[in-house]
Amino acid sequence: MFTETKKTVITRGERAEKVIHADNLRMEGKMTAVSSNQEDFKQTRGERAEIVKHETSLSSEGRFEGKSMSQEEYKFYGQGERAEIIKHADNLKVEGRESETDEKQSYVLIYLCRRFEAYVATNIIYVI
């Protein structure tokens, strides 16, 4: 009754055979490509009404003399006069020793002296 099945080894990249079954759907009768919706609503080019320009009573006759409201309100008067610059005397005075700047200057002088001494030690300088 029961027999041994074939052992098939499927490695990576192999695929099973493609099986295409027979189709039982058949077209019957005469087929037309026009549906009832297409017959009811036929596509036509849209109609446009002709453009009619009506005459208005707002047209101005003759030459306009006068100024508009914005021209009257925003006149240019040229460059205005500048006020003189007033420099007030400073009432803040520093009292005592400026310790921060003095200390910075002394550190810079000490650093420069040491750098010069190191330079003189490595390079012989003849002073005349």
Protein backbone atom coordinates (compact mmCIF):
# COMPACT_ATOMS: atom_id res chain seq x y z
CA MET A 1 0.00 0.00 0.00
CA PHE A 2 2.30 2.69 1.17
CA THR A 3 5.40 3.15 -0.87
CA GLU A 4 8.33 5.33 -0.27
CA THR A 5 8.15 8.91 -1.55
CA LYS A 6 10.88 10.36 -3.64
CA LYS A 7 13.21 12.51 -1.67
CA THR A 8 13.94 15.68 -3.55
CA VAL A 9 16.53 18.01 -2.22
CA ILE A 10 15.73 21.66 -2.93
CA THR A 11 18.67 23.94 -2.49
CA ARG A 12 18.67 27.66 -2.31
CA GLY A 13 17.82 29.32 -5.61
CA GLU A 14 15.77 26.50 -7.11
CA ARG A 15 12.05 26.87 -7.63
CA ALA A 16 9.25 24.45 -8.22
CA GLU A 17 7.78 24.14 -11.72
CA LYS A 18 4.97 26.56 -12.56
CA VAL A 19 1.60 24.84 -12.95
CA ILE A 20 -1.06 26.51 -15.11
CA HIS A 21 -4.50 24.97 -14.78
CA ALA A 22 -7.03 24.95 -17.59
CA ASP A 23 -9.58 27.78 -17.49
CA ASN A 24 -13.27 26.95 -17.65
CA LEU A 25 -14.50 30.51 -18.27
CA ARG A 26 -15.68 31.11 -21.84
CA MET A 27 -17.01 34.23 -23.55
CA GLU A 28 -20.49 33.70 -24.97
CA GLY A 29 -22.33 35.94 -27.39
CA LYS A 30 -21.34 39.11 -29.18
CA MET A 31 -19.46 41.55 -26.98
CA THR A 32 -19.63 45.27 -27.61
CA ALA A 33 -17.37 47.82 -25.98
CA VAL A 34 -20.21 50.30 -25.38
CA SER A 35 -21.99 50.21 -22.04
CA SER A 36 -25.47 51.52 -21.34
CA ASN A 37 -23.95 54.37 -19.36
CA GLN A 38 -21.89 55.42 -22.36
CA GLU A 39 -24.98 55.37 -24.56
CA ASP A 40 -26.99 57.52 -22.14
CA PHE A 41 -24.28 60.12 -21.55
CA LYS A 42 -22.42 60.80 -24.77
CA GLN A 43 -19.32 62.93 -24.62
CA THR A 44 -19.76 66.24 -26.38
CA ARG A 45 -17.74 69.39 -26.51
CA GLY A 46 -19.01 71.90 -23.97
CA GLU A 47 -20.84 74.97 -25.17
CA ARG A 48 -19.70 78.38 -24.01
CA ALA A 49 -21.77 81.48 -23.83
CA GLU A 50 -20.60 84.42 -25.87
CA ILE A 51 -18.83 87.14 -23.91
CA VAL A 52 -20.91 90.29 -23.66
CA LYS A 53 -19.39 93.51 -22.32
CA HIS A 54 -21.98 95.82 -20.88
CA GLU A 55 -21.59 99.57 -20.89
CA THR A 56 -21.11 101.26 -17.54
CA SER A 57 -21.81 104.76 -16.39
CA LEU A 58 -18.61 104.91 -14.35
CA SER A 59 -16.28 105.86 -17.17
CA SER A 60 -14.55 109.20 -16.78
CA GLU A 61 -14.66 111.65 -19.63
CA GLY A 62 -11.92 114.11 -20.32
CA ARG A 63 -8.69 114.63 -18.47
CA PHE A 64 -8.53 114.02 -14.71
CA GLU A 65 -7.18 116.98 -12.77
CA GLY A 66 -6.55 116.59 -9.09
CA LYS A 67 -4.75 114.41 -6.62
CA SER A 68 -5.77 111.17 -5.06
CA MET A 69 -6.24 110.83 -1.34
CA SER A 70 -2.97 108.94 -0.88
CA GLN A 71 -1.01 111.56 -2.79
CA GLU A 72 -2.35 114.32 -0.56
CA GLU A 73 -1.75 112.44 2.71
CA TYR A 74 1.76 111.18 1.96
CA LYS A 75 3.67 114.11 0.52
CA PHE A 76 7.45 114.02 0.37
CA TYR A 77 8.94 117.07 2.04
CA GLY A 78 12.56 116.29 1.37
CA GLN A 79 15.15 115.28 3.90
CA GLY A 80 14.50 116.58 7.39
CA GLU A 81 16.95 118.24 9.73
CA ARG A 82 18.92 116.07 12.10
CA ALA A 83 19.22 116.87 15.75
CA GLU A 84 22.71 117.47 17.08
CA ILE A 85 24.33 114.62 18.94
CA ILE A 86 24.65 115.33 22.64
CA LYS A 87 27.31 113.39 24.54
CA HIS A 88 26.74 113.47 28.25
CA ALA A 89 29.62 113.34 30.69
CA ASP A 90 30.12 109.95 32.30
CA ASN A 91 29.44 109.92 36.03
CA LEU A 92 30.95 106.47 36.61
CA LYS A 93 34.50 106.54 37.89
CA VAL A 94 36.79 103.60 38.63
CA GLU A 95 38.35 103.84 42.05
CA GLY A 96 41.37 101.91 43.19
CA ARG A 97 43.69 99.66 41.25
CA GLU A 98 42.51 97.91 38.11
CA SER A 99 43.64 94.53 39.35
CA GLU A 100 42.36 92.42 36.49
CA THR A 101 44.15 94.30 33.69
CA ASP A 102 47.33 94.77 35.75
CA GLU A 103 47.52 91.04 36.47
CA LYS A 104 46.96 90.14 32.83
CA GLN A 105 49.68 92.52 31.71
CA SER A 106 52.16 91.19 34.25
CA TYR A 107 51.45 87.58 33.17
CA VAL A 108 52.00 88.53 29.54
CA LEU A 109 55.30 90.25 30.36
CA ILE A 110 56.52 87.27 32.40
CA TYR A 111 55.53 84.88 29.59
CA LEU A 112 57.33 86.97 26.96
CA CYS A 113 60.47 87.24 29.08
CA ARG A 114 60.61 83.49 29.60
CA ARG A 115 60.07 82.86 25.87
CA PHE A 116 62.89 85.32 25.05
CA GLU A 117 65.23 83.66 27.56
CA ALA A 118 64.47 80.26 26.04
CA TYR A 119 65.12 81.63 22.56
CA VAL A 120 68.42 83.18 23.63
CA ALA A 121 69.47 79.92 25.28
CA THR A 122 68.88 77.89 22.11
CA ASN A 123 70.17 80.44 19.60
CA ILE A 124 73.33 82.41 20.21
CA ILE A 125 72.64 86.09 19.73
CA TYR A 126 75.51 88.53 19.62
CA VAL A 127 74.56 91.90 20.95
CA ILE A 128 76.86 94.69 19.87
